[in-house]
Amino acid sequence: MREFTAMHSVASLPFKDLILSATEAHKDGDDQSRAWNVPEPLMDYLKVNLNDSQLEAVNAGLSRRSFVLIQGPPGTGKTQTILGLLSAVLHSAPARMQIKGGFDVLKHGPELDIDGKRAHWIKASPWLLGANPRDLIMPVDGDDGFYPTGNELKPEIVSSNRKYRAHVLVCAPSNSALDEIVLRVLKTGIRDENNNTYNPKIVRIGVKALHSVKAVSMDYLIAH
């Protein structure tokens, strides 16, 4: 039913034209098209620890394209790719692309009113009106929600003199899929610009958080 609803509402989706007019990814991965300057130690780590398709996906995510779709069957390392992309986005400086007459400026579409935004939210997230059946499916390699997760990594203290500090919103089609990403970040951490491992500050928003990620859920953080 969700697939039918999604197909039926494609015509009104804000990213419809970008999705339908998608082009084949370029395998050159040149630095000129990258919107972020990745520090060399971090980039060296990514090149060593990611395979060619994963590194290509990270480069696509760092490109100047308005919308990037990354697809992969189960077991192809999508979560590992996400961790690499998070490391790059959180610790890279925005690059500016010079054009004739100045620097390129990103253009945004017209601002929607609150009713228009709500209509898009409902069409893009039909589970907001009821239970999400995907929450009944646990990740294949995920945590069971009861086994405690050991975590010796310490949160990074970011000083106010760092010029670029990004905030990244990570979404998933189900709570269990989101918790799988959060759990992986808590267990393995991500890499900073000097290729050091650390745990970033995380706020897990939403209901039905697994026990192993409850410590970073918004309700728990507010209560403590």
Protein backbone atom coordinates (compact mmCIF):
# COMPACT_ATOMS: atom_id res chain seq x y z
CA MET A 1 0.00 0.00 0.00
CA ARG A 2 2.84 2.38 0.81
CA GLU A 3 4.47 1.70 -2.56
CA PHE A 4 1.17 2.45 -4.34
CA THR A 5 0.72 5.67 -2.36
CA ALA A 6 4.29 6.71 -3.19
CA MET A 7 3.84 6.09 -6.92
CA HIS A 8 0.48 7.87 -6.92
CA SER A 9 1.97 10.99 -5.31
CA VAL A 10 5.10 11.23 -7.49
CA ALA A 11 3.62 14.05 -9.56
CA SER A 12 3.44 16.34 -6.52
CA LEU A 13 6.84 15.55 -5.01
CA PRO A 14 9.26 18.51 -4.89
CA PHE A 15 12.15 16.34 -6.20
CA LYS A 16 10.13 14.79 -9.05
CA ASP A 17 11.98 16.51 -11.89
CA LEU A 18 15.40 15.86 -10.35
CA ILE A 19 14.65 12.15 -9.93
CA LEU A 20 13.10 11.62 -13.36
CA SER A 21 15.85 13.55 -15.14
CA ALA A 22 18.69 11.81 -13.29
CA THR A 23 21.86 11.19 -15.26
CA GLU A 24 24.46 8.46 -14.99
CA ALA A 25 27.10 9.08 -12.36
CA HIS A 26 30.48 10.18 -13.64
CA LYS A 27 33.29 7.91 -12.51
CA ASP A 28 36.02 10.48 -12.82
CA GLY A 29 35.41 11.87 -9.32
CA ASP A 30 37.36 15.02 -10.10
CA ASP A 31 37.93 17.59 -7.37
CA GLN A 32 36.56 20.41 -9.52
CA SER A 33 32.97 19.21 -9.15
CA ARG A 34 33.23 18.66 -5.40
CA ALA A 35 31.40 21.15 -3.20
CA TRP A 36 33.52 20.28 -0.15
CA ASN A 37 37.27 20.32 0.37
CA VAL A 38 38.04 17.10 2.26
CA PRO A 39 41.17 17.25 4.46
CA GLU A 40 43.96 15.08 3.06
CA PRO A 41 44.32 12.72 6.10
CA LEU A 42 40.59 12.01 6.05
CA MET A 43 40.53 11.54 2.28
CA ASP A 44 43.45 9.10 2.50
CA TYR A 45 41.52 7.08 5.09
CA LEU A 46 38.41 6.96 2.90
CA LYS A 47 40.42 5.81 -0.13
CA VAL A 48 41.97 2.96 1.87
CA ASN A 49 38.87 1.78 3.75
CA LEU A 50 36.15 2.17 1.11
CA ASN A 51 35.86 0.20 -2.09
CA ASP A 52 35.52 1.89 -5.48
CA SER A 53 31.72 2.03 -5.51
CA GLN A 54 31.56 3.32 -1.91
CA LEU A 55 34.13 6.02 -2.62
CA GLU A 56 32.26 6.97 -5.78
CA ALA A 57 29.07 7.34 -3.71
CA VAL A 58 30.86 9.56 -1.17
CA ASN A 59 32.24 11.77 -3.97
CA ALA A 60 28.74 12.02 -5.44
CA GLY A 61 27.41 13.10 -2.06
CA LEU A 62 30.06 15.82 -1.90
CA SER A 63 29.29 17.09 -5.40
CA ARG A 64 27.46 20.25 -6.38
CA ARG A 65 24.38 18.37 -7.49
CA SER A 66 21.10 19.43 -5.91
CA PHE A 67 19.96 15.87 -5.29
CA VAL A 68 21.89 12.58 -5.23
CA LEU A 69 20.39 9.07 -5.15
CA ILE A 70 22.65 6.27 -3.88
CA GLN A 71 21.25 2.76 -4.36
CA GLY A 72 22.64 -0.57 -3.24
CA PRO A 73 21.31 -4.06 -2.44
CA PRO A 74 21.54 -5.41 1.14
CA GLY A 75 25.07 -6.15 2.26
CA THR A 76 26.81 -3.76 -0.12
CA GLY A 77 28.04 -1.42 2.62
CA LYS A 78 25.54 1.43 2.48
CA THR A 79 25.86 2.11 6.22
CA GLN A 80 29.66 2.19 5.94
CA THR A 81 29.27 4.62 3.05
CA ILE A 82 27.01 6.81 5.20
CA LEU A 83 29.65 6.90 7.96
CA GLY A 84 32.28 7.95 5.44
CA LEU A 85 30.02 10.62 4.02
CA LEU A 86 29.21 11.92 7.52
CA SER A 87 32.92 12.13 8.33
CA ALA A 88 33.57 14.08 5.14
CA VAL A 89 30.65 16.50 5.51
CA LEU A 90 31.30 17.22 9.20
CA HIS A 91 34.98 17.98 8.74
CA SER A 92 35.29 19.52 5.30
CA ALA A 93 35.29 23.17 4.33
CA PRO A 94 32.79 24.34 1.69
CA ALA A 95 34.43 24.91 -1.67
CA ARG A 96 33.45 27.82 -3.90
CA MET A 97 33.31 27.43 -7.66
CA GLN A 98 34.34 30.58 -9.50
CA ILE A 99 32.45 31.51 -12.65
CA LYS A 100 32.53 34.51 -14.94
CA GLY A 101 31.56 37.60 -13.01
CA GLY A 102 31.96 36.07 -9.55
CA PHE A 103 31.19 32.96 -7.57
CA ASP A 104 28.30 30.62 -8.24
CA VAL A 105 25.28 31.10 -5.99
CA LEU A 106 22.83 28.31 -5.28
CA LYS A 107 19.28 29.18 -6.25
CA HIS A 108 16.26 27.97 -4.31
CA GLY A 109 12.69 27.52 -5.47
CA PRO A 110 9.76 29.56 -4.16
CA GLU A 111 9.01 29.21 -0.47
CA LEU A 112 5.90 27.13 0.25
CA ASP A 113 3.33 28.20 2.80
CA ILE A 114 2.69 25.99 5.83
CA ASP A 115 -0.24 24.21 4.17
CA GLY A 116 1.84 23.38 1.11
CA LYS A 117 4.69 22.08 3.28
CA ARG A 118 2.28 19.96 5.32
CA ALA A 119 0.82 18.46 2.13
CA HIS A 120 4.31 17.43 0.98
CA TRP A 121 5.15 16.01 4.41
CA ILE A 122 2.03 13.83 4.42
CA LYS A 123 2.63 12.56 0.87
CA ALA A 124 6.29 11.85 1.52
CA SER A 125 5.64 10.28 4.94
CA PRO A 126 2.31 8.39 4.87
CA TRP A 127 3.25 6.58 8.10
CA LEU A 128 2.70 9.85 10.01
CA LEU A 129 -1.00 9.02 9.87
CA GLY A 130 -0.53 5.57 11.40
CA ALA A 131 1.89 2.80 12.29
CA ASN A 132 4.88 2.20 10.07
CA PRO A 133 5.00 -1.49 9.04
CA ARG A 134 8.75 -1.24 8.45
CA ASP A 135 9.29 -0.84 12.21
CA LEU A 136 8.35 -4.51 12.60
CA ILE A 137 11.45 -5.52 10.62
CA MET A 138 14.69 -5.50 12.59
CA PRO A 139 17.97 -4.87 10.76
CA VAL A 140 19.73 -8.07 9.70
CA ASP A 141 22.97 -7.09 11.44
CA GLY A 142 21.40 -4.75 13.96
CA ASP A 143 21.15 -4.74 17.74
CA ASP A 144 18.28 -6.48 19.50
CA GLY A 145 17.60 -3.45 21.69
CA PHE A 146 18.51 -5.13 24.97
CA TYR A 147 22.18 -6.01 24.78
CA PRO A 148 24.19 -3.09 26.21
CA THR A 149 26.57 -1.40 23.82
CA GLY A 150 30.05 -0.72 25.10
CA ASN A 151 31.36 2.65 24.01
CA GLU A 152 34.78 3.90 25.04
CA LEU A 153 34.91 6.69 22.50
CA LYS A 154 34.58 10.17 23.93
CA PRO A 155 32.54 12.97 22.37
CA GLU A 156 34.61 15.57 20.59
CA ILE A 157 34.72 19.04 22.12
CA VAL A 158 34.48 21.48 19.23
CA SER A 159 35.97 24.86 20.02
CA SER A 160 34.23 28.03 18.93
CA ASN A 161 37.18 29.03 16.74
CA ARG A 162 36.47 26.30 14.19
CA LYS A 163 35.24 28.23 11.19
CA TYR A 164 33.00 25.59 9.64
CA ARG A 165 30.74 23.42 11.78
CA ALA A 166 28.10 21.45 9.94
CA HIS A 167 24.87 20.05 11.33
CA VAL A 168 23.63 16.97 9.48
CA LEU A 169 20.09 15.58 9.55
CA VAL A 170 20.02 11.81 8.94
CA CYS A 171 16.62 10.31 8.10
CA ALA A 172 15.50 6.73 7.48
CA PRO A 173 12.27 5.02 6.31
CA SER A 174 11.79 3.35 9.71
CA ASN A 175 12.83 3.76 13.33
CA SER A 176 14.78 0.49 13.27
CA ALA A 177 16.74 1.57 10.18
CA LEU A 178 17.57 4.88 11.85
CA ASP A 179 18.67 3.13 15.05
CA GLU A 180 20.97 0.89 13.00
CA ILE A 181 22.82 3.99 11.74
CA VAL A 182 22.91 5.59 15.20
CA LEU A 183 24.16 2.35 16.74
CA ARG A 184 26.92 2.05 14.15
CA VAL A 185 28.07 5.62 14.88
CA LEU A 186 28.08 4.92 18.63
CA LYS A 187 30.03 1.68 18.20
CA THR A 188 32.63 2.67 15.62
CA GLY A 189 32.52 6.47 15.68
CA ILE A 190 33.47 8.61 12.70
CA ARG A 191 36.70 10.26 11.60
CA ASP A 192 37.73 13.87 12.04
CA GLU A 193 39.89 15.98 9.73
CA ASN A 194 43.06 14.44 11.20
CA ASN A 195 41.77 10.87 10.80
CA ASN A 196 41.13 10.46 14.54
CA THR A 197 38.13 8.41 15.67
CA TYR A 198 35.55 10.10 17.88
CA ASN A 199 31.84 10.11 18.68
CA PRO A 200 29.95 13.17 17.40
CA LYS A 201 27.14 14.69 19.38
CA ILE A 202 23.91 12.96 18.37
CA VAL A 203 20.26 13.70 19.10
CA ARG A 204 17.98 10.84 18.06
CA ILE A 205 14.52 12.27 17.34
CA GLY A 206 11.44 10.08 17.18
CA VAL A 207 9.68 7.32 19.08
CA LYS A 208 10.50 3.64 19.74
CA ALA A 209 14.22 4.11 20.24
CA LEU A 210 16.13 0.88 20.88
CA HIS A 211 17.57 0.46 24.37
CA SER A 212 21.09 0.61 22.96
CA VAL A 213 20.57 4.11 21.50
CA LYS A 214 18.24 5.46 24.19
CA ALA A 215 21.06 7.48 25.77
CA VAL A 216 21.12 9.80 22.74
CA SER A 217 17.35 10.04 22.27
CA MET A 218 15.85 13.50 22.65
CA ASP A 219 13.54 12.49 25.53
CA TYR A 220 16.42 10.97 27.48
CA LEU A 221 18.69 13.97 26.89
CA ILE A 222 15.96 16.37 28.04
CA ALA A 223 15.28 14.30 31.17
CA HIS A 224 18.97 14.13 32.07
